[in-house]
Amino acid sequence: MDSDFRIDLSEVKRNLDAAEVVSLYFPLLRKTLLIDIRSSSVDGPLIKVVPMVTTPEERFRSLRQMRPRFSKPESITIIPWPKYVGSLARLGVWDHIVSRFADLGDPSLVRQCEACLQELLSAERQEIGRAIRGENFQDLWRRSEQGGEPQEGEGEGEKEDEGRSPSEG
């Protein structure tokens, strides 16, 4: 999964530095790391793992519900992360996120960052386990009932008549 997708790391880091609100989403986990650097005398910055949404409008609505004392942000930077969660650290993106929160001077924010990373890693482990067990995934190849060789698409759609070969029209 990791090697198939190219990510412009400098662009990701630039967006993390410039944006007030970032939605870093993990399509395979259906989770989002929501980063909102805005703060007031009542509410501090936010970093939280939330469910993935299907549209930017949904994210604006969910952010408004989570942070009702803030006005609607002018924009939300949306960054897809189609790689393993651990690659955030390996590629230096995680340290970049933590540094941004550490620079704000509140040690509890760094602890919140680490809790979010652990939550994402746990969700990834669970998803990998479900994939291994075949839960919520569709088989591309399945062993035949007689224990023979895997059959492509077996159990999906219409089956061929057992007495006919594929070349017989």
C-alpha atoms as a PDB file:
ATOM      1  CA  MET A   1       0.000   0.000   0.000  1.00  0.00           C
ATOM      2  CA  ASP A   2       2.707   2.516   0.907  1.00  0.00           C
ATOM      3  CA  SER A   3       4.843   2.327  -2.212  1.00  0.00           C
ATOM      4  CA  ASP A   4       2.028   2.787  -4.728  1.00  0.00           C
ATOM      5  CA  PHE A   5       1.181   6.369  -3.792  1.00  0.00           C
ATOM      6  CA  ARG A   6       3.398   9.414  -4.216  1.00  0.00           C
ATOM      7  CA  ILE A   7       2.931  12.267  -1.790  1.00  0.00           C
ATOM      8  CA  ASP A   8       4.594  15.657  -2.108  1.00  0.00           C
ATOM      9  CA  LEU A   9       5.905  15.891   1.460  1.00  0.00           C
ATOM     10  CA  SER A  10       7.036  19.484   1.123  1.00  0.00           C
ATOM     11  CA  GLU A  11       3.522  20.458   0.009  1.00  0.00           C
ATOM     12  CA  VAL A  12       1.953  18.526   2.899  1.00  0.00           C
ATOM     13  CA  LYS A  13       4.239  20.262   5.394  1.00  0.00           C
ATOM     14  CA  ARG A  14       3.627  23.652   3.792  1.00  0.00           C
ATOM     15  CA  ASN A  15      -0.135  23.119   4.145  1.00  0.00           C
ATOM     16  CA  LEU A  16       0.247  21.974   7.754  1.00  0.00           C
ATOM     17  CA  ASP A  17       2.159  25.198   8.492  1.00  0.00           C
ATOM     18  CA  ALA A  18      -0.194  27.573   6.682  1.00  0.00           C
ATOM     19  CA  ALA A  19      -3.680  26.226   7.320  1.00  0.00           C
ATOM     20  CA  GLU A  20      -5.787  26.942  10.368  1.00  0.00           C
ATOM     21  CA  VAL A  21      -7.828  23.780   9.848  1.00  0.00           C
ATOM     22  CA  VAL A  22      -6.485  20.580   8.294  1.00  0.00           C
ATOM     23  CA  SER A  23      -8.375  17.385   7.606  1.00  0.00           C
ATOM     24  CA  LEU A  24      -5.781  14.626   7.155  1.00  0.00           C
ATOM     25  CA  TYR A  25      -7.832  11.623   6.165  1.00  0.00           C
ATOM     26  CA  PHE A  26      -7.082   7.925   5.920  1.00  0.00           C
ATOM     27  CA  PRO A  27      -9.404   6.430   3.271  1.00  0.00           C
ATOM     28  CA  LEU A  28      -8.738   2.803   4.184  1.00  0.00           C
ATOM     29  CA  LEU A  29      -9.485   3.443   7.859  1.00  0.00           C
ATOM     30  CA  ARG A  30     -12.391   5.801   7.168  1.00  0.00           C
ATOM     31  CA  LYS A  31     -10.868   8.087   9.823  1.00  0.00           C
ATOM     32  CA  THR A  32      -9.659  11.680   9.785  1.00  0.00           C
ATOM     33  CA  LEU A  33      -7.084  13.444  11.898  1.00  0.00           C
ATOM     34  CA  LEU A  34      -8.706  16.832  12.368  1.00  0.00           C
ATOM     35  CA  ILE A  35      -6.305  19.654  13.210  1.00  0.00           C
ATOM     36  CA  ASP A  36      -7.704  23.054  14.162  1.00  0.00           C
ATOM     37  CA  ILE A  37      -5.009  25.439  15.309  1.00  0.00           C
ATOM     38  CA  ARG A  38      -7.457  28.247  16.167  1.00  0.00           C
ATOM     39  CA  SER A  39      -7.799  29.233  19.804  1.00  0.00           C
ATOM     40  CA  SER A  40      -9.573  31.732  22.002  1.00  0.00           C
ATOM     41  CA  SER A  41      -9.593  32.590  25.695  1.00  0.00           C
ATOM     42  CA  VAL A  42     -12.107  29.757  26.188  1.00  0.00           C
ATOM     43  CA  ASP A  43     -11.148  27.115  23.602  1.00  0.00           C
ATOM     44  CA  GLY A  44      -7.659  25.955  22.728  1.00  0.00           C
ATOM     45  CA  PRO A  45      -6.379  24.311  19.567  1.00  0.00           C
ATOM     46  CA  LEU A  46      -7.829  20.927  18.638  1.00  0.00           C
ATOM     47  CA  ILE A  47      -6.338  17.702  17.361  1.00  0.00           C
ATOM     48  CA  LYS A  48      -8.751  14.794  17.234  1.00  0.00           C
ATOM     49  CA  VAL A  49      -9.451  11.567  15.359  1.00  0.00           C
ATOM     50  CA  VAL A  50     -12.949  11.747  13.899  1.00  0.00           C
ATOM     51  CA  PRO A  51     -14.963   9.704  11.412  1.00  0.00           C
ATOM     52  CA  MET A  52     -14.304  10.446   7.757  1.00  0.00           C
ATOM     53  CA  VAL A  53     -17.017  12.438   5.983  1.00  0.00           C
ATOM     54  CA  THR A  54     -18.060  12.318   2.343  1.00  0.00           C
ATOM     55  CA  THR A  55     -18.055  16.035   1.506  1.00  0.00           C
ATOM     56  CA  PRO A  56     -16.254  19.197   2.594  1.00  0.00           C
ATOM     57  CA  GLU A  57     -19.648  20.637   3.600  1.00  0.00           C
ATOM     58  CA  GLU A  58     -20.099  17.761   6.054  1.00  0.00           C
ATOM     59  CA  ARG A  59     -16.698  18.537   7.556  1.00  0.00           C
ATOM     60  CA  PHE A  60     -17.642  22.214   7.956  1.00  0.00           C
ATOM     61  CA  ARG A  61     -20.861  21.140   9.744  1.00  0.00           C
ATOM     62  CA  SER A  62     -19.084  18.669  12.033  1.00  0.00           C
ATOM     63  CA  LEU A  63     -16.419  21.254  12.868  1.00  0.00           C
ATOM     64  CA  ARG A  64     -19.121  23.776  13.686  1.00  0.00           C
ATOM     65  CA  GLN A  65     -20.720  21.246  16.068  1.00  0.00           C
ATOM     66  CA  MET A  66     -17.392  20.472  17.761  1.00  0.00           C
ATOM     67  CA  ARG A  67     -16.302  24.118  17.993  1.00  0.00           C
ATOM     68  CA  PRO A  68     -19.467  26.231  18.149  1.00  0.00           C
ATOM     69  CA  ARG A  69     -17.721  29.309  19.568  1.00  0.00           C
ATOM     70  CA  PHE A  70     -15.590  29.660  16.429  1.00  0.00           C
ATOM     71  CA  SER A  71     -16.813  31.130  13.180  1.00  0.00           C
ATOM     72  CA  LYS A  72     -16.738  29.023  10.060  1.00  0.00           C
ATOM     73  CA  PRO A  73     -13.143  28.835   8.810  1.00  0.00           C
ATOM     74  CA  GLU A  74     -12.493  30.379   5.418  1.00  0.00           C
ATOM     75  CA  SER A  75     -11.236  27.015   4.229  1.00  0.00           C
ATOM     76  CA  ILE A  76     -10.278  23.559   5.343  1.00  0.00           C
ATOM     77  CA  THR A  77      -7.151  22.028   3.894  1.00  0.00           C
ATOM     78  CA  ILE A  78      -7.916  18.429   2.982  1.00  0.00           C
ATOM     79  CA  ILE A  79      -4.998  16.014   2.725  1.00  0.00           C
ATOM     80  CA  PRO A  80      -5.574  12.368   1.800  1.00  0.00           C
ATOM     81  CA  TRP A  81      -3.110   9.913   3.356  1.00  0.00           C
ATOM     82  CA  PRO A  82      -3.371   6.619   1.429  1.00  0.00           C
ATOM     83  CA  LYS A  83      -0.375   5.156   3.254  1.00  0.00           C
ATOM     84  CA  TYR A  84       0.132   3.332   6.526  1.00  0.00           C
ATOM     85  CA  VAL A  85      -0.212   5.450   9.663  1.00  0.00           C
ATOM     86  CA  GLY A  86       3.387   4.654  10.638  1.00  0.00           C
ATOM     87  CA  SER A  87       4.587   6.346   7.469  1.00  0.00           C
ATOM     88  CA  LEU A  88       3.541   9.698   8.974  1.00  0.00           C
ATOM     89  CA  ALA A  89       6.401   9.310  11.464  1.00  0.00           C
ATOM     90  CA  ARG A  90       8.795   7.635   9.045  1.00  0.00           C
ATOM     91  CA  LEU A  91       8.403  10.474   6.520  1.00  0.00           C
ATOM     92  CA  GLY A  92       8.669  13.264   9.106  1.00  0.00           C
ATOM     93  CA  VAL A  93       5.078  14.469   8.816  1.00  0.00           C
ATOM     94  CA  TRP A  94       4.127  13.440  12.341  1.00  0.00           C
ATOM     95  CA  ASP A  95       7.041  15.340  13.899  1.00  0.00           C
ATOM     96  CA  HIS A  96       5.953  18.341  11.868  1.00  0.00           C
ATOM     97  CA  ILE A  97       2.416  18.131  13.280  1.00  0.00           C
ATOM     98  CA  VAL A  98       3.649  17.685  16.866  1.00  0.00           C
ATOM     99  CA  SER A  99       6.104  20.601  16.475  1.00  0.00           C
ATOM    100  CA  ARG A 100       3.292  22.893  15.409  1.00  0.00           C
ATOM    101  CA  PHE A 101       1.378  22.051  18.598  1.00  0.00           C
ATOM    102  CA  ALA A 102       4.520  22.107  20.787  1.00  0.00           C
ATOM    103  CA  ASP A 103       5.277  25.632  19.559  1.00  0.00           C
ATOM    104  CA  LEU A 104       1.998  26.748  21.141  1.00  0.00           C
ATOM    105  CA  GLY A 105       3.540  26.075  24.560  1.00  0.00           C
ATOM    106  CA  ASP A 106       0.943  23.769  26.100  1.00  0.00           C
ATOM    107  CA  PRO A 107       2.391  20.304  26.927  1.00  0.00           C
ATOM    108  CA  SER A 108      -1.114  18.801  27.048  1.00  0.00           C
ATOM    109  CA  LEU A 109      -1.418  19.459  23.299  1.00  0.00           C
ATOM    110  CA  VAL A 110       1.610  17.250  22.624  1.00  0.00           C
ATOM    111  CA  ARG A 111       0.021  14.515  24.751  1.00  0.00           C
ATOM    112  CA  GLN A 112      -3.179  14.898  22.706  1.00  0.00           C
ATOM    113  CA  CYS A 113      -1.118  14.487  19.529  1.00  0.00           C
ATOM    114  CA  GLU A 114       0.404  11.269  20.819  1.00  0.00           C
ATOM    115  CA  ALA A 115      -3.007   9.948  21.893  1.00  0.00           C
ATOM    116  CA  CYS A 116      -4.297  10.600  18.368  1.00  0.00           C
ATOM    117  CA  LEU A 117      -1.366   8.744  16.828  1.00  0.00           C
ATOM    118  CA  GLN A 118      -2.003   5.762  19.099  1.00  0.00           C
ATOM    119  CA  GLU A 119      -5.702   5.814  18.209  1.00  0.00           C
ATOM    120  CA  LEU A 120      -4.883   5.806  14.481  1.00  0.00           C
ATOM    121  CA  LEU A 121      -2.344   2.993  14.875  1.00  0.00           C
ATOM    122  CA  SER A 122      -4.905   0.958  16.810  1.00  0.00           C
ATOM    123  CA  ALA A 123      -7.584   1.549  14.159  1.00  0.00           C
ATOM    124  CA  GLU A 124      -5.116   0.454  11.489  1.00  0.00           C
ATOM    125  CA  ARG A 125      -4.248  -2.755  13.378  1.00  0.00           C
ATOM    126  CA  GLN A 126      -7.948  -3.524  13.736  1.00  0.00           C
ATOM    127  CA  GLU A 127      -8.578  -2.898  10.035  1.00  0.00           C
ATOM    128  CA  ILE A 128      -5.667  -5.125   9.021  1.00  0.00           C
ATOM    129  CA  GLY A 129      -7.043  -7.835  11.328  1.00  0.00           C
ATOM    130  CA  ARG A 130     -10.468  -7.534   9.688  1.00  0.00           C
ATOM    131  CA  ALA A 131      -8.867  -7.815   6.267  1.00  0.00           C
ATOM    132  CA  ILE A 132      -6.975 -10.947   7.278  1.00  0.00           C
ATOM    133  CA  ARG A 133     -10.153 -12.508   8.662  1.00  0.00           C
ATOM    134  CA  GLY A 134     -12.152 -11.424   5.610  1.00  0.00           C
ATOM    135  CA  GLU A 135     -14.550  -9.265   7.623  1.00  0.00           C
ATOM    136  CA  ASN A 136     -16.149  -6.463   5.586  1.00  0.00           C
ATOM    137  CA  PHE A 137     -14.039  -7.394   2.578  1.00  0.00           C
ATOM    138  CA  GLN A 138     -15.028  -9.153  -0.621  1.00  0.00           C
ATOM    139  CA  ASP A 139     -12.960 -12.119  -1.790  1.00  0.00           C
ATOM    140  CA  LEU A 140     -11.294 -11.818  -5.161  1.00  0.00           C
ATOM    141  CA  TRP A 141     -10.190 -15.453  -5.000  1.00  0.00           C
ATOM    142  CA  ARG A 142     -11.849 -18.209  -3.021  1.00  0.00           C
ATOM    143  CA  ARG A 143     -11.123 -21.918  -2.677  1.00  0.00           C
ATOM    144  CA  SER A 144     -13.750 -24.135  -4.215  1.00  0.00           C
ATOM    145  CA  GLU A 145     -15.999 -26.142  -1.897  1.00  0.00           C
ATOM    146  CA  GLN A 146     -14.137 -29.362  -2.815  1.00  0.00           C
ATOM    147  CA  GLY A 147     -10.857 -27.890  -1.553  1.00  0.00           C
ATOM    148  CA  GLY A 148      -9.404 -27.434  -5.034  1.00  0.00           C
ATOM    149  CA  GLU A 149      -7.532 -24.508  -6.491  1.00  0.00           C
ATOM    150  CA  PRO A 150      -8.764 -20.959  -5.937  1.00  0.00           C
ATOM    151  CA  GLN A 151     -11.419 -19.906  -8.419  1.00  0.00           C
ATOM    152  CA  GLU A 152     -11.599 -16.311  -9.642  1.00  0.00           C
ATOM    153  CA  GLY A 153     -14.827 -14.602  -8.662  1.00  0.00           C
ATOM    154  CA  GLU A 154     -16.402 -17.784  -7.324  1.00  0.00           C
ATOM    155  CA  GLY A 155     -19.525 -17.006  -5.396  1.00  0.00           C
ATOM    156  CA  GLU A 156     -20.048 -13.699  -7.200  1.00  0.00           C
ATOM    157  CA  GLY A 157     -22.632 -13.120  -9.902  1.00  0.00           C
ATOM    158  CA  GLU A 158     -23.862 -15.918 -12.136  1.00  0.00           C
ATOM    159  CA  LYS A 159     -22.019 -19.232 -12.301  1.00  0.00           C
ATOM    160  CA  GLU A 160     -21.263 -20.937 -15.578  1.00  0.00           C
ATOM    161  CA  ASP A 161     -23.129 -24.132 -16.320  1.00  0.00           C
ATOM    162  CA  GLU A 162     -21.002 -26.916 -14.865  1.00  0.00           C
ATOM    163  CA  GLY A 163     -21.166 -29.040 -18.019  1.00  0.00           C
ATOM    164  CA  ARG A 164     -19.955 -26.306 -20.382  1.00  0.00           C
ATOM    165  CA  SER A 165     -16.474 -25.040 -20.961  1.00  0.00           C
ATOM    166  CA  PRO A 166     -15.955 -21.272 -21.234  1.00  0.00           C
ATOM    167  CA  SER A 167     -15.236 -21.587 -24.972  1.00  0.00           C
ATOM    168  CA  GLU A 168     -18.659 -23.037 -25.703  1.00  0.00           C
ATOM    169  CA  GLY A 169     -20.883 -20.088 -26.544  1.00  0.00           C
END
